[in-house]
Amino acid sequence: MLATRGVTDKVAHIVEKTWRKKGRSVAAQVAAAHPTETPPLVLQHTDWRLHLEMGHSKLAGQSQPTAIFQMEMADTSSSMNEVRTEKLDVELSHAELHALFLQLNAIQTELDAPMAPSAP
């Protein structure tokens, strides 16, 4: 993955070697220094709709389409008797939705890229 970002093989190998030796301890130090208390939420349900606001008669032809995503998440840390859910609505304009799509495509490309076998 580093190679796709312009990092030379030599530098990538050094980073990999260092991470293998010290990665867990560094991650533990970061986690200890910056604790985060977020509930373990699990996406339960999603829905979406298109919201099209028609223009005023004086502004004929001007509309502001937005996509509205609705996500329902369950708090997995709650007891079995009580499942707490949280709903999140996200409204995106056409430009914001397009930017999100491009970012998701970039992530998918990196996930699909074959990982180069590491040298011992």
Protein backbone atom coordinates (compact mmCIF):
# COMPACT_ATOMS: atom_id res chain seq x y z
CA MET A 1 0.00 0.00 0.00
CA LEU A 2 2.89 2.36 0.66
CA ALA A 3 4.18 1.75 -2.86
CA THR A 4 0.94 3.14 -4.30
CA ARG A 5 1.69 6.35 -2.39
CA GLY A 6 5.14 6.75 -3.95
CA VAL A 7 7.19 5.22 -1.13
CA THR A 8 10.23 3.24 -2.28
CA ASP A 9 10.46 -0.48 -1.57
CA LYS A 10 13.44 0.07 0.73
CA VAL A 11 11.57 2.56 2.91
CA ALA A 12 8.44 0.38 2.91
CA HIS A 13 10.52 -2.60 4.06
CA ILE A 14 12.05 -0.55 6.90
CA VAL A 15 8.62 0.68 8.00
CA GLU A 16 7.26 -2.87 7.91
CA LYS A 17 10.21 -4.24 9.88
CA THR A 18 9.92 -1.50 12.50
CA TRP A 19 6.17 -1.97 12.79
CA ARG A 20 6.60 -5.72 13.30
CA LYS A 21 9.07 -5.08 16.14
CA LYS A 22 7.44 -2.11 17.87
CA GLY A 23 3.96 -1.76 16.43
CA ARG A 24 2.01 -3.35 19.27
CA SER A 25 3.80 -1.40 21.98
CA VAL A 26 3.39 1.88 20.08
CA ALA A 27 -0.31 1.17 19.52
CA ALA A 28 -0.71 0.36 23.24
CA GLN A 29 1.05 3.61 24.22
CA VAL A 30 -1.17 5.64 21.89
CA ALA A 31 -4.29 3.90 23.23
CA ALA A 32 -3.20 4.56 26.83
CA ALA A 33 -2.37 8.20 26.15
CA HIS A 34 -5.57 8.90 24.21
CA PRO A 35 -8.33 6.69 25.57
CA THR A 36 -11.56 6.78 23.64
CA GLU A 37 -14.81 5.75 25.16
CA THR A 38 -17.08 5.03 22.26
CA PRO A 39 -19.74 2.39 22.55
CA PRO A 40 -19.28 -0.53 20.20
CA LEU A 41 -22.03 0.31 17.73
CA VAL A 42 -23.08 -2.18 15.07
CA LEU A 43 -24.90 -1.08 11.94
CA GLN A 44 -28.29 -2.78 12.02
CA HIS A 45 -30.26 -1.17 9.20
CA THR A 46 -29.80 1.40 6.48
CA ASP A 47 -32.22 3.28 4.31
CA TRP A 48 -31.96 6.17 1.91
CA ARG A 49 -34.17 8.54 0.00
CA LEU A 50 -33.84 11.37 -2.44
CA HIS A 51 -35.10 14.72 -1.31
CA LEU A 52 -35.92 17.09 -4.12
CA GLU A 53 -37.01 20.57 -3.20
CA MET A 54 -38.79 22.15 -6.10
CA GLY A 55 -37.97 25.76 -6.81
CA HIS A 56 -40.32 28.65 -6.31
CA SER A 57 -42.27 29.80 -9.35
CA LYS A 58 -39.88 32.75 -9.67
CA LEU A 59 -36.91 30.39 -9.56
CA ALA A 60 -38.23 27.87 -12.08
CA GLY A 61 -35.83 25.10 -12.93
CA GLN A 62 -33.75 25.49 -9.79
CA SER A 63 -33.90 22.54 -7.45
CA GLN A 64 -31.61 21.36 -4.69
CA PRO A 65 -31.50 17.54 -4.73
CA THR A 66 -30.09 15.91 -1.63
CA ALA A 67 -29.59 12.30 -0.61
CA ILE A 68 -30.66 11.39 2.89
CA PHE A 69 -29.11 8.30 4.46
CA GLN A 70 -30.68 6.84 7.57
CA MET A 71 -28.60 4.45 9.66
CA GLU A 72 -29.75 2.53 12.69
CA MET A 73 -27.02 1.31 15.01
CA ALA A 74 -27.28 -0.99 18.02
CA ASP A 75 -25.12 -0.59 21.11
CA THR A 76 -23.53 -4.01 21.57
CA SER A 77 -22.31 -3.18 25.06
CA SER A 78 -25.82 -3.04 26.49
CA SER A 79 -27.31 -6.02 28.29
CA MET A 80 -29.25 -8.72 26.47
CA ASN A 81 -32.56 -7.52 27.93
CA GLU A 82 -32.09 -3.98 26.69
CA VAL A 83 -30.87 -3.34 23.16
CA ARG A 84 -30.29 0.35 22.72
CA THR A 85 -30.43 1.66 19.19
CA GLU A 86 -29.28 4.95 17.85
CA LYS A 87 -30.46 6.54 14.62
CA LEU A 88 -28.29 8.75 12.50
CA ASP A 89 -29.50 10.78 9.54
CA VAL A 90 -26.95 12.14 7.09
CA GLU A 91 -28.00 14.56 4.36
CA LEU A 92 -25.61 15.11 1.45
CA SER A 93 -25.79 17.47 -1.49
CA HIS A 94 -24.91 16.24 -4.96
CA ALA A 95 -21.33 17.55 -4.62
CA GLU A 96 -20.89 15.99 -1.16
CA LEU A 97 -22.31 12.66 -2.34
CA HIS A 98 -19.98 12.68 -5.34
CA ALA A 99 -16.96 13.40 -3.12
CA LEU A 100 -17.96 10.56 -0.77
CA PHE A 101 -18.35 8.21 -3.73
CA LEU A 102 -14.85 9.07 -4.98
CA GLN A 103 -13.38 8.50 -1.51
CA LEU A 104 -15.14 5.15 -1.17
CA ASN A 105 -13.87 4.16 -4.63
CA ALA A 106 -10.31 5.00 -3.56
CA ILE A 107 -10.71 2.88 -0.42
CA GLN A 108 -12.13 0.00 -2.47
CA THR A 109 -9.21 0.23 -4.92
CA GLU A 110 -6.71 -0.02 -2.07
CA LEU A 111 -8.59 -2.95 -0.52
CA ASP A 112 -8.69 -4.76 -3.87
CA ALA A 113 -4.99 -4.20 -4.59
CA PRO A 114 -2.98 -7.37 -4.03
CA MET A 115 -0.66 -7.11 -1.07
CA ALA A 116 2.98 -7.65 -1.99
CA PRO A 117 4.52 -10.54 -0.05
CA SER A 118 6.85 -9.26 2.63
CA ALA A 119 10.45 -10.36 2.84
CA PRO A 120 11.46 -11.91 6.20
